[in-house]
Amino acid sequence: MFNIVVFGAPGSGKGTQSAKLIERYGIHHISTGEVLRSHIAEGTQLGKTAKEYIDKGQLIPDELMISILADIIENHPEAANGVIFDGFPRTIPQAEALNELLEKRGAQLDAVVGLEVADNELIDRMIKRGQQTGRADDNPQTISNRLKVYHSQTQPLRDYYMKRGKYHAIAGSGSVDDIFDAITAELDDLHLASRRQGL
């Protein structure tokens, strides 16, 4: 299994790069944001709970996110070759829970791709995205709240993973292809090594 986390602030390009990485490495994509938005659109109880947090630019509670992730992993056989985690973990307790989930499957987290983008560029990107897609949480007030939450609650994960030798800092500005090339320059050898271990 080749398991990676695509990490970065809201608007840093996690979904875009994840789509390209899936194609390159043939692994399963888990976007917690997409899962939550799907529940919101369907009006499920989980969706209603999640919407209250998302509308305020807040993180979903750890316990709820961990249970969602465990359910996804257990019910997707295609995750057997490995997973790209997009939007998870967002807190250190979530990171520790992910380690436990992977260990139970005889696997580990191979790398964390950190897309690093300045706040002013992130704000511009998300406002444009909101205009193009109509995403309700891409408005100036919620964006500001989301970035504050990211810096206070999620960014500490950068140090957490750096201390464990898992974090790969990638400049997230520039063309999509140039950013992708920078990511694969970091990951290709790790992917090859994980495949050899699986033989």
N, C-alpha and C. Protein backbone atom coordinates (compact mmCIF):
# COMPACT_ATOMS: atom_id res chain seq x y z
N MET A 1 0.83 -1.20 0.00
CA MET A 1 0.00 0.00 0.00
C MET A 1 0.86 1.25 0.00
N PHE A 2 0.48 2.23 -0.80
CA PHE A 2 1.17 3.52 -0.83
C PHE A 2 0.17 4.57 -0.35
N ASN A 3 0.40 5.10 0.85
CA ASN A 3 -0.55 6.01 1.47
C ASN A 3 0.07 7.39 1.65
N ILE A 4 -0.61 8.40 1.12
CA ILE A 4 -0.09 9.75 1.25
C ILE A 4 -1.20 10.71 1.68
N VAL A 5 -0.77 11.76 2.37
CA VAL A 5 -1.67 12.86 2.75
C VAL A 5 -1.31 14.05 1.89
N VAL A 6 -2.32 14.67 1.27
CA VAL A 6 -2.11 15.94 0.58
C VAL A 6 -2.59 17.02 1.55
N PHE A 7 -1.65 17.86 1.95
CA PHE A 7 -1.85 18.77 3.08
C PHE A 7 -1.68 20.21 2.62
N GLY A 8 -2.51 21.09 3.15
CA GLY A 8 -2.37 22.51 2.82
C GLY A 8 -3.59 23.28 3.25
N ALA A 9 -3.48 24.58 3.21
CA ALA A 9 -4.58 25.45 3.59
C ALA A 9 -5.73 25.33 2.60
N PRO A 10 -6.93 25.80 2.99
CA PRO A 10 -8.03 25.87 2.03
C PRO A 10 -7.61 26.67 0.80
N GLY A 11 -7.90 26.12 -0.39
CA GLY A 11 -7.55 26.81 -1.62
C GLY A 11 -6.14 26.57 -2.12
N SER A 12 -5.39 25.66 -1.45
CA SER A 12 -3.99 25.45 -1.85
C SER A 12 -3.84 24.52 -3.05
N GLY A 13 -4.93 23.89 -3.48
CA GLY A 13 -4.87 23.03 -4.66
C GLY A 13 -4.84 21.54 -4.35
N LYS A 14 -5.28 21.17 -3.15
CA LYS A 14 -5.22 19.76 -2.74
C LYS A 14 -6.01 18.86 -3.70
N GLY A 15 -7.25 19.27 -4.02
CA GLY A 15 -8.09 18.44 -4.88
C GLY A 15 -7.52 18.30 -6.28
N THR A 16 -7.02 19.40 -6.82
CA THR A 16 -6.45 19.39 -8.17
C THR A 16 -5.26 18.45 -8.25
N GLN A 17 -4.34 18.56 -7.29
CA GLN A 17 -3.15 17.72 -7.32
C GLN A 17 -3.49 16.26 -6.98
N SER A 18 -4.45 16.06 -6.09
CA SER A 18 -4.86 14.69 -5.75
C SER A 18 -5.35 13.95 -6.99
N ALA A 19 -6.13 14.64 -7.84
CA ALA A 19 -6.66 14.01 -9.05
C ALA A 19 -5.53 13.52 -9.96
N LYS A 20 -4.47 14.32 -10.07
CA LYS A 20 -3.34 13.94 -10.91
C LYS A 20 -2.53 12.80 -10.28
N LEU A 21 -2.43 12.80 -8.95
CA LEU A 21 -1.68 11.76 -8.25
C LEU A 21 -2.39 10.41 -8.33
N ILE A 22 -3.72 10.42 -8.29
CA ILE A 22 -4.50 9.19 -8.44
C ILE A 22 -4.16 8.53 -9.77
N GLU A 23 -4.15 9.34 -10.82
CA GLU A 23 -3.87 8.83 -12.16
C GLU A 23 -2.46 8.26 -12.24
N ARG A 24 -1.51 8.91 -11.60
CA ARG A 24 -0.11 8.47 -11.69
C ARG A 24 0.15 7.18 -10.90
N TYR A 25 -0.40 7.11 -9.69
CA TYR A 25 -0.05 6.00 -8.81
C TYR A 25 -1.14 4.94 -8.67
N GLY A 26 -2.32 5.18 -9.21
CA GLY A 26 -3.38 4.18 -9.17
C GLY A 26 -3.89 3.87 -7.78
N ILE A 27 -4.01 4.90 -6.95
CA ILE A 27 -4.48 4.69 -5.59
C ILE A 27 -5.81 5.41 -5.36
N HIS A 28 -6.47 5.03 -4.29
CA HIS A 28 -7.84 5.50 -4.02
C HIS A 28 -7.80 6.90 -3.38
N HIS A 29 -8.74 7.74 -3.79
CA HIS A 29 -8.81 9.12 -3.29
C HIS A 29 -9.91 9.22 -2.25
N ILE A 30 -9.55 9.69 -1.05
CA ILE A 30 -10.55 9.99 -0.03
C ILE A 30 -10.50 11.48 0.26
N SER A 31 -11.54 12.19 -0.16
CA SER A 31 -11.68 13.61 0.14
C SER A 31 -12.76 13.77 1.19
N THR A 32 -12.36 14.08 2.41
CA THR A 32 -13.36 14.24 3.47
C THR A 32 -14.30 15.41 3.14
N GLY A 33 -13.78 16.43 2.47
CA GLY A 33 -14.63 17.57 2.08
C GLY A 33 -15.74 17.14 1.14
N GLU A 34 -15.41 16.30 0.14
CA GLU A 34 -16.42 15.82 -0.80
C GLU A 34 -17.46 14.96 -0.09
N VAL A 35 -16.98 14.11 0.83
CA VAL A 35 -17.90 13.25 1.59
C VAL A 35 -18.89 14.11 2.37
N LEU A 36 -18.37 15.13 3.05
CA LEU A 36 -19.24 16.00 3.86
C LEU A 36 -20.21 16.77 2.98
N ARG A 37 -19.72 17.30 1.85
CA ARG A 37 -20.61 18.07 0.95
C ARG A 37 -21.71 17.17 0.39
N SER A 38 -21.38 15.90 0.14
CA SER A 38 -22.38 14.95 -0.35
C SER A 38 -23.47 14.73 0.71
N HIS A 39 -23.06 14.57 1.96
CA HIS A 39 -24.03 14.39 3.04
C HIS A 39 -24.90 15.64 3.21
N ILE A 40 -24.28 16.81 3.06
CA ILE A 40 -25.04 18.06 3.17
C ILE A 40 -26.09 18.14 2.06
N ALA A 41 -25.67 17.80 0.84
CA ALA A 41 -26.59 17.85 -0.31
C ALA A 41 -27.75 16.88 -0.13
N GLU A 42 -27.47 15.71 0.51
CA GLU A 42 -28.51 14.70 0.70
C GLU A 42 -29.38 14.98 1.93
N GLY A 43 -28.93 15.95 2.75
CA GLY A 43 -29.72 16.31 3.93
C GLY A 43 -29.68 15.28 5.04
N THR A 44 -28.62 14.46 5.10
CA THR A 44 -28.50 13.46 6.16
C THR A 44 -28.24 14.16 7.50
N GLN A 45 -28.38 13.39 8.59
CA GLN A 45 -28.11 13.96 9.91
C GLN A 45 -26.65 14.41 10.01
N LEU A 46 -25.75 13.58 9.47
CA LEU A 46 -24.33 13.96 9.45
C LEU A 46 -24.14 15.26 8.67
N GLY A 47 -24.84 15.37 7.54
CA GLY A 47 -24.73 16.58 6.72
C GLY A 47 -25.22 17.82 7.46
N LYS A 48 -26.32 17.67 8.19
CA LYS A 48 -26.85 18.81 8.94
C LYS A 48 -25.87 19.25 10.03
N THR A 49 -25.28 18.26 10.72
CA THR A 49 -24.30 18.57 11.77
C THR A 49 -23.07 19.24 11.17
N ALA A 50 -22.56 18.66 10.07
CA ALA A 50 -21.37 19.19 9.42
C ALA A 50 -21.58 20.61 8.92
N LYS A 51 -22.79 20.87 8.37
CA LYS A 51 -23.08 22.18 7.79
C LYS A 51 -22.97 23.29 8.85
N GLU A 52 -23.38 22.99 10.06
CA GLU A 52 -23.30 24.00 11.12
C GLU A 52 -21.86 24.46 11.35
N TYR A 53 -20.92 23.50 11.29
CA TYR A 53 -19.50 23.84 11.47
C TYR A 53 -18.93 24.51 10.23
N ILE A 54 -19.21 23.95 9.07
CA ILE A 54 -18.64 24.45 7.81
C ILE A 54 -19.09 25.88 7.54
N ASP A 55 -20.37 26.17 7.80
CA ASP A 55 -20.88 27.53 7.53
C ASP A 55 -20.18 28.59 8.38
N LYS A 56 -19.62 28.17 9.50
CA LYS A 56 -18.88 29.10 10.37
C LYS A 56 -17.38 29.08 10.10
N GLY A 57 -16.96 28.23 9.15
CA GLY A 57 -15.53 28.12 8.85
C GLY A 57 -14.77 27.32 9.89
N GLN A 58 -15.50 26.51 10.68
CA GLN A 58 -14.87 25.72 11.74
C GLN A 58 -14.59 24.30 11.28
N LEU A 59 -13.69 23.62 12.02
CA LEU A 59 -13.40 22.22 11.73
C LEU A 59 -14.48 21.32 12.32
N ILE A 60 -14.73 20.20 11.63
CA ILE A 60 -15.62 19.17 12.16
C ILE A 60 -14.92 18.53 13.37
N PRO A 61 -15.65 18.21 14.45
CA PRO A 61 -15.01 17.58 15.62
C PRO A 61 -14.22 16.32 15.25
N ASP A 62 -13.10 16.10 15.95
CA ASP A 62 -12.21 14.98 15.64
C ASP A 62 -12.95 13.64 15.63
N GLU A 63 -13.76 13.39 16.66
CA GLU A 63 -14.42 12.08 16.78
C GLU A 63 -15.29 11.78 15.56
N LEU A 64 -15.99 12.81 15.08
CA LEU A 64 -16.87 12.64 13.93
C LEU A 64 -16.07 12.35 12.68
N MET A 65 -14.98 13.11 12.46
CA MET A 65 -14.16 12.91 11.26
C MET A 65 -13.50 11.54 11.27
N ILE A 66 -13.03 11.10 12.43
CA ILE A 66 -12.35 9.81 12.53
C ILE A 66 -13.32 8.67 12.22
N SER A 67 -14.54 8.76 12.73
CA SER A 67 -15.52 7.71 12.46
C SER A 67 -15.91 7.68 10.98
N ILE A 68 -16.00 8.85 10.35
CA ILE A 68 -16.30 8.92 8.91
C ILE A 68 -15.18 8.24 8.12
N LEU A 69 -13.93 8.57 8.46
CA LEU A 69 -12.78 8.02 7.73
C LEU A 69 -12.71 6.51 7.90
N ALA A 70 -12.88 6.02 9.12
CA ALA A 70 -12.81 4.57 9.36
C ALA A 70 -13.87 3.85 8.52
N ASP A 71 -15.07 4.42 8.45
CA ASP A 71 -16.15 3.82 7.67
C ASP A 71 -15.80 3.78 6.18
N ILE A 72 -15.21 4.87 5.68
CA ILE A 72 -14.83 4.93 4.25
C ILE A 72 -13.79 3.87 3.93
N ILE A 73 -12.75 3.79 4.77
CA ILE A 73 -11.65 2.84 4.51
C ILE A 73 -12.16 1.40 4.53
N GLU A 74 -13.01 1.09 5.51
CA GLU A 74 -13.49 -0.29 5.65
C GLU A 74 -14.42 -0.69 4.51
N ASN A 75 -15.11 0.28 3.91
CA ASN A 75 -16.12 -0.05 2.89
C ASN A 75 -15.68 0.24 1.46
N HIS A 76 -14.39 0.45 1.27
CA HIS A 76 -13.87 0.67 -0.09
C HIS A 76 -12.72 -0.30 -0.35
N PRO A 77 -13.01 -1.47 -0.95
CA PRO A 77 -11.96 -2.45 -1.23
C PRO A 77 -10.86 -1.89 -2.12
N GLU A 78 -11.22 -0.89 -2.95
CA GLU A 78 -10.22 -0.31 -3.86
C GLU A 78 -9.12 0.44 -3.11
N ALA A 79 -9.33 0.65 -1.81
CA ALA A 79 -8.30 1.32 -1.01
C ALA A 79 -7.14 0.38 -0.68
N ALA A 80 -7.24 -0.89 -1.08
CA ALA A 80 -6.21 -1.88 -0.73
C ALA A 80 -4.84 -1.53 -1.30
N ASN A 81 -4.79 -0.86 -2.46
CA ASN A 81 -3.50 -0.50 -3.07
C ASN A 81 -2.88 0.75 -2.46
N GLY A 82 -3.67 1.46 -1.67
CA GLY A 82 -3.18 2.70 -1.08
C GLY A 82 -4.22 3.80 -1.22
N VAL A 83 -3.99 4.88 -0.48
CA VAL A 83 -4.98 5.95 -0.40
C VAL A 83 -4.29 7.31 -0.43
N ILE A 84 -4.94 8.25 -1.12
CA ILE A 84 -4.58 9.66 -0.99
C ILE A 84 -5.62 10.27 -0.04
N PHE A 85 -5.16 10.77 1.08
CA PHE A 85 -6.03 11.44 2.04
C PHE A 85 -5.99 12.94 1.75
N ASP A 86 -7.12 13.48 1.33
CA ASP A 86 -7.22 14.89 0.93
C ASP A 86 -8.15 15.58 1.93
N GLY A 87 -7.58 16.45 2.76
CA GLY A 87 -8.39 17.14 3.76
C GLY A 87 -8.45 16.43 5.10
N PHE A 88 -7.65 15.40 5.25
CA PHE A 88 -7.56 14.67 6.52
C PHE A 88 -6.13 14.13 6.64
N PRO A 89 -5.51 14.23 7.79
CA PRO A 89 -5.99 14.79 9.04
C PRO A 89 -5.89 16.32 9.06
N ARG A 90 -6.64 16.94 9.98
CA ARG A 90 -6.57 18.39 10.14
C ARG A 90 -6.16 18.79 11.55
N THR A 91 -6.01 17.81 12.42
CA THR A 91 -5.54 18.07 13.79
C THR A 91 -4.60 16.93 14.18
N ILE A 92 -3.80 17.14 15.22
CA ILE A 92 -2.88 16.10 15.66
C ILE A 92 -3.62 14.86 16.16
N PRO A 93 -4.72 14.98 16.93
CA PRO A 93 -5.47 13.76 17.29
C PRO A 93 -5.95 12.98 16.06
N GLN A 94 -6.35 13.69 14.99
CA GLN A 94 -6.75 12.99 13.77
C GLN A 94 -5.55 12.28 13.14
N ALA A 95 -4.37 12.89 13.19
CA ALA A 95 -3.16 12.26 12.64
C ALA A 95 -2.84 10.98 13.40
N GLU A 96 -2.97 11.04 14.72
CA GLU A 96 -2.69 9.85 15.53
C GLU A 96 -3.72 8.75 15.26
N ALA A 97 -4.97 9.14 15.07
CA ALA A 97 -6.01 8.16 14.74
C ALA A 97 -5.75 7.53 13.38
N LEU A 98 -5.27 8.32 12.42
CA LEU A 98 -4.95 7.78 11.09
C LEU A 98 -3.83 6.75 11.20
N ASN A 99 -2.81 7.04 12.00
CA ASN A 99 -1.73 6.07 12.20
C ASN A 99 -2.28 4.74 12.70
N GLU A 100 -3.20 4.81 13.66
CA GLU A 100 -3.78 3.59 14.23
C GLU A 100 -4.60 2.83 13.19
N LEU A 101 -5.40 3.57 12.39
CA LEU A 101 -6.21 2.93 11.35
C LEU A 101 -5.33 2.19 10.35
N LEU A 102 -4.23 2.82 9.94
CA LEU A 102 -3.33 2.20 8.97
C LEU A 102 -2.60 1.00 9.58
N GLU A 103 -2.17 1.13 10.82
CA GLU A 103 -1.47 0.03 11.48
C GLU A 103 -2.34 -1.21 11.56
N LYS A 104 -3.63 -1.02 11.81
CA LYS A 104 -4.56 -2.15 11.88
C LYS A 104 -4.64 -2.89 10.54
N ARG A 105 -4.35 -2.18 9.46
CA ARG A 105 -4.37 -2.77 8.12
C ARG A 105 -2.97 -3.23 7.69
N GLY A 106 -2.02 -3.19 8.62
CA GLY A 106 -0.65 -3.58 8.30
C GLY A 106 0.04 -2.59 7.38
N ALA A 107 -0.36 -1.34 7.47
CA ALA A 107 0.17 -0.31 6.57
C ALA A 107 0.71 0.87 7.38
N GLN A 108 1.22 1.86 6.67
CA GLN A 108 1.73 3.07 7.30
C GLN A 108 1.51 4.25 6.36
N LEU A 109 1.69 5.44 6.89
CA LEU A 109 1.66 6.64 6.05
C LEU A 109 3.04 6.84 5.45
N ASP A 110 3.12 6.90 4.11
CA ASP A 110 4.42 6.99 3.44
C ASP A 110 4.91 8.42 3.31
N ALA A 111 4.01 9.37 3.08
CA ALA A 111 4.46 10.75 2.85
C ALA A 111 3.32 11.74 3.05
N VAL A 112 3.70 12.95 3.42
CA VAL A 112 2.76 14.07 3.51
C VAL A 112 3.24 15.14 2.54
N VAL A 113 2.41 15.44 1.54
CA VAL A 113 2.73 16.48 0.56
C VAL A 113 2.14 17.78 1.07
N GLY A 114 3.00 18.74 1.42
CA GLY A 114 2.54 20.01 1.95
C GLY A 114 2.57 21.10 0.90
N LEU A 115 1.38 21.51 0.43
CA LEU A 115 1.28 22.58 -0.57
C LEU A 115 1.30 23.92 0.15
N GLU A 116 2.35 24.68 -0.06
CA GLU A 116 2.55 25.92 0.69
C GLU A 116 2.29 27.13 -0.20
N VAL A 117 1.27 27.91 0.19
CA VAL A 117 0.81 29.06 -0.61
C VAL A 117 0.55 30.23 0.34
N ALA A 118 0.94 31.44 -0.06
CA ALA A 118 0.72 32.64 0.77
C ALA A 118 -0.78 32.91 0.94
N ASP A 119 -1.14 33.46 2.11
CA ASP A 119 -2.56 33.70 2.41
C ASP A 119 -3.26 34.59 1.38
N ASN A 120 -2.58 35.64 0.92
CA ASN A 120 -3.25 36.55 -0.02
C ASN A 120 -3.62 35.83 -1.32
N GLU A 121 -2.76 34.91 -1.75
CA GLU A 121 -3.07 34.14 -2.96
C GLU A 121 -4.21 33.15 -2.69
N LEU A 122 -4.22 32.55 -1.50
CA LEU A 122 -5.30 31.63 -1.14
C LEU A 122 -6.65 32.33 -1.17
N ILE A 123 -6.70 33.53 -0.60
CA ILE A 123 -7.95 34.29 -0.56
C ILE A 123 -8.44 34.59 -1.97
N ASP A 124 -7.53 35.05 -2.84
CA ASP A 124 -7.90 35.33 -4.23
C ASP A 124 -8.45 34.09 -4.92
N ARG A 125 -7.76 32.96 -4.73
CA ARG A 125 -8.19 31.71 -5.37
C ARG A 125 -9.59 31.31 -4.93
N MET A 126 -9.84 31.39 -3.62
CA MET A 126 -11.13 30.90 -3.11
C MET A 126 -12.28 31.82 -3.48
N ILE A 127 -12.03 33.11 -3.53
CA ILE A 127 -13.08 34.04 -3.96
C ILE A 127 -13.45 33.75 -5.42
N LYS A 128 -12.42 33.54 -6.26
CA LYS A 128 -12.67 33.20 -7.68
C LYS A 128 -13.40 31.86 -7.79
N ARG A 129 -12.98 30.87 -6.95
CA ARG A 129 -13.63 29.56 -6.98
C ARG A 129 -15.09 29.68 -6.60
N GLY A 130 -15.38 30.51 -5.59
CA GLY A 130 -16.76 30.71 -5.17
C GLY A 130 -17.61 31.32 -6.27
N GLN A 131 -17.02 32.25 -7.02
CA GLN A 131 -17.74 32.88 -8.13
C GLN A 131 -18.03 31.88 -9.24
N GLN A 132 -17.09 30.94 -9.45
CA GLN A 132 -17.23 29.98 -10.54
C GLN A 132 -18.13 28.80 -10.18
N THR A 133 -18.05 28.35 -8.91
CA THR A 133 -18.74 27.11 -8.55
C THR A 133 -19.96 27.32 -7.67
N GLY A 134 -20.06 28.50 -7.06
CA GLY A 134 -21.17 28.76 -6.15
C GLY A 134 -21.03 28.10 -4.80
N ARG A 135 -19.82 27.63 -4.46
CA ARG A 135 -19.61 27.04 -3.13
C ARG A 135 -19.90 28.08 -2.05
N ALA A 136 -20.84 27.75 -1.16
CA ALA A 136 -21.31 28.72 -0.17
C ALA A 136 -20.23 29.15 0.81
N ASP A 137 -19.24 28.25 1.07
CA ASP A 137 -18.21 28.59 2.05
C ASP A 137 -17.07 29.41 1.45
N ASP A 138 -17.12 29.69 0.15
CA ASP A 138 -16.09 30.52 -0.49
C ASP A 138 -16.56 31.98 -0.54
N ASN A 139 -16.77 32.56 0.63
CA ASN A 139 -17.09 33.98 0.72
C ASN A 139 -16.08 34.62 1.69
N PRO A 140 -15.85 35.94 1.58
CA PRO A 140 -14.75 36.57 2.33
C PRO A 140 -14.75 36.30 3.83
N GLN A 141 -15.90 36.37 4.49
CA GLN A 141 -15.91 36.18 5.94
C GLN A 141 -15.56 34.74 6.32
N THR A 142 -16.18 33.78 5.63
CA THR A 142 -15.90 32.37 5.94
C THR A 142 -14.48 32.00 5.59
N ILE A 143 -13.96 32.55 4.47
CA ILE A 143 -12.57 32.29 4.07
C ILE A 143 -11.62 32.77 5.17
N SER A 144 -11.86 33.98 5.67
CA SER A 144 -11.02 34.52 6.74
C SER A 144 -11.05 33.61 7.97
N ASN A 145 -12.24 33.15 8.34
CA ASN A 145 -12.38 32.24 9.48
C ASN A 145 -11.65 30.92 9.23
N ARG A 146 -11.80 30.40 8.02
CA ARG A 146 -11.17 29.11 7.69
C ARG A 146 -9.65 29.21 7.78
N LEU A 147 -9.10 30.31 7.31
CA LEU A 147 -7.64 30.47 7.37
C LEU A 147 -7.16 30.63 8.81
N LYS A 148 -7.92 31.34 9.64
CA LYS A 148 -7.55 31.46 11.06
C LYS A 148 -7.54 30.09 11.73
N VAL A 149 -8.58 29.31 11.45
CA VAL A 149 -8.67 27.96 12.02
C VAL A 149 -7.52 27.10 11.51
N TYR A 150 -7.22 27.21 10.22
CA TYR A 150 -6.12 26.43 9.64
C TYR A 150 -4.81 26.74 10.37
N HIS A 151 -4.49 28.02 10.52
CA HIS A 151 -3.21 28.39 11.13
C HIS A 151 -3.13 27.97 12.60
N SER A 152 -4.25 28.01 13.30
CA SER A 152 -4.21 27.68 14.74
C SER A 152 -4.31 26.19 15.00
N GLN A 153 -5.11 25.46 14.20
CA GLN A 153 -5.39 24.06 14.51
C GLN A 153 -4.75 23.05 13.56
N THR A 154 -4.57 23.43 12.30
CA THR A 154 -4.07 22.47 11.31
C THR A 154 -2.59 22.63 11.04
N GLN A 155 -2.10 23.85 10.97
CA GLN A 155 -0.69 24.05 10.62
C GLN A 155 0.28 23.35 11.58
N PRO A 156 -0.05 23.18 12.88
CA PRO A 156 0.85 22.43 13.76
C PRO A 156 1.18 21.03 13.24
N LEU A 157 0.34 20.48 12.37
CA LEU A 157 0.63 19.17 11.78
C LEU A 157 1.90 19.21 10.93
N ARG A 158 2.22 20.38 10.39
CA ARG A 158 3.46 20.50 9.60
C ARG A 158 4.66 20.08 10.44
N ASP A 159 4.76 20.64 11.65
CA ASP A 159 5.87 20.28 12.54
C ASP A 159 5.77 18.82 12.98
N TYR A 160 4.56 18.37 13.24
CA TYR A 160 4.33 16.98 13.67
C TYR A 160 4.92 16.01 12.65
N TYR A 161 4.61 16.25 11.37
CA TYR A 161 5.09 15.34 10.33
C TYR A 161 6.55 15.59 9.96
N MET A 162 7.01 16.82 10.08
CA MET A 162 8.42 17.09 9.82
C MET A 162 9.30 16.33 10.80
N LYS A 163 8.91 16.31 12.07
CA LYS A 163 9.69 15.59 13.09
C LYS A 163 9.74 14.09 12.79
N ARG A 164 8.76 13.59 12.09
CA ARG A 164 8.71 12.16 11.76
C ARG A 164 9.29 11.86 10.39
N GLY A 165 9.83 12.88 9.73
CA GLY A 165 10.47 12.68 8.42
C GLY A 165 9.51 12.38 7.29
N LYS A 166 8.24 12.75 7.47
CA LYS A 166 7.22 12.43 6.46
C LYS A 166 6.86 13.63 5.58
N TYR A 167 7.19 14.85 6.04
CA TYR A 167 6.67 16.06 5.39
C TYR A 167 7.56 16.48 4.20
N HIS A 168 6.91 16.71 3.06
CA HIS A 168 7.60 17.19 1.85
C HIS A 168 6.99 18.54 1.47
N ALA A 169 7.74 19.60 1.72
CA ALA A 169 7.24 20.95 1.42
C ALA A 169 7.30 21.21 -0.08
N ILE A 170 6.16 21.62 -0.64
CA ILE A 170 6.05 21.91 -2.07
C ILE A 170 5.52 23.32 -2.25
N ALA A 171 6.22 24.14 -3.04
CA ALA A 171 5.72 25.48 -3.35
C ALA A 171 4.44 25.34 -4.17
N GLY A 172 3.32 25.81 -3.63
CA GLY A 172 2.03 25.60 -4.26
C GLY A 172 1.59 26.70 -5.20
N SER A 173 2.53 27.60 -5.57
CA SER A 173 2.23 28.65 -6.54
C SER A 173 2.86 28.28 -7.88
N GLY A 174 2.24 28.73 -8.96
CA GLY A 174 2.74 28.41 -10.30
C GLY A 174 1.73 27.56 -11.04
N SER A 175 2.16 26.98 -12.15
CA SER A 175 1.24 26.18 -12.96
C SER A 175 0.96 24.84 -12.28
N VAL A 176 -0.21 24.28 -12.57
CA VAL A 176 -0.61 23.00 -12.00
C VAL A 176 0.43 21.93 -12.35
N ASP A 177 0.90 21.93 -13.60
CA ASP A 177 1.86 20.90 -14.03
C ASP A 177 3.21 21.06 -13.34
N ASP A 178 3.66 22.29 -13.16
CA ASP A 178 4.95 22.50 -12.48
C ASP A 178 4.88 22.04 -11.02
N ILE A 179 3.76 22.32 -10.37
CA ILE A 179 3.58 21.88 -8.98
C ILE A 179 3.55 20.35 -8.92
N PHE A 180 2.84 19.75 -9.88
CA PHE A 180 2.76 18.29 -9.93
C PHE A 180 4.14 17.66 -10.14
N ASP A 181 4.93 18.25 -11.02
CA ASP A 181 6.29 17.73 -11.26
C ASP A 181 7.13 17.79 -10.00
N ALA A 182 6.96 18.86 -9.22
CA ALA A 182 7.71 19.00 -7.97
C ALA A 182 7.28 17.92 -6.97
N ILE A 183 5.98 17.61 -6.96
CA ILE A 183 5.47 16.57 -6.05
C ILE A 183 6.02 15.20 -6.44
N THR A 184 5.91 14.87 -7.72
CA THR A 184 6.32 13.52 -8.13
C THR A 184 7.83 13.34 -8.02
N ALA A 185 8.60 14.42 -8.11
CA ALA A 185 10.04 14.32 -7.89
C ALA A 185 10.34 13.85 -6.47
N GLU A 186 9.43 14.20 -5.54
CA GLU A 186 9.58 13.78 -4.14
C GLU A 186 9.02 12.37 -3.91
N LEU A 187 7.97 12.00 -4.64
CA LEU A 187 7.23 10.78 -4.32
C LEU A 187 7.59 9.55 -5.14
N ASP A 188 8.11 9.72 -6.34
CA ASP A 188 8.32 8.56 -7.23
C ASP A 188 9.17 7.47 -6.58
N ASP A 189 10.27 7.85 -5.95
CA ASP A 189 11.14 6.84 -5.33
C ASP A 189 10.44 6.16 -4.15
N LEU A 190 9.67 6.92 -3.38
CA LEU A 190 8.93 6.35 -2.26
C LEU A 190 7.88 5.35 -2.75
N HIS A 191 7.23 5.70 -3.87
CA HIS A 191 6.23 4.80 -4.44
C HIS A 191 6.87 3.51 -4.91
N LEU A 192 8.00 3.62 -5.56
CA LEU A 192 8.72 2.43 -6.04
C LEU A 192 9.12 1.54 -4.87
N ALA A 193 9.61 2.17 -3.80
CA ALA A 193 10.03 1.41 -2.62
C ALA A 193 8.85 0.68 -1.98
N SER A 194 7.69 1.34 -1.94
CA SER A 194 6.52 0.70 -1.33
C SER A 194 6.05 -0.48 -2.17
N ARG A 195 6.17 -0.38 -3.48
CA ARG A 195 5.78 -1.50 -4.36
C ARG A 195 6.73 -2.68 -4.18
N ARG A 196 8.02 -2.39 -4.01
CA ARG A 196 8.97 -3.48 -3.80
C ARG A 196 8.69 -4.21 -2.49
N GLN A 197 8.31 -3.45 -1.46
CA GLN A 197 8.00 -4.07 -0.18
C GLN A 197 6.77 -4.96 -0.28
N GLY A 198 5.87 -4.59 -1.18
CA GLY A 198 4.63 -5.37 -1.32
C GLY A 198 4.78 -6.62 -2.14
N LEU A 199 5.92 -6.78 -2.81
CA LEU A 199 6.12 -7.97 -3.65
C LEU A 199 6.40 -9.21 -2.81
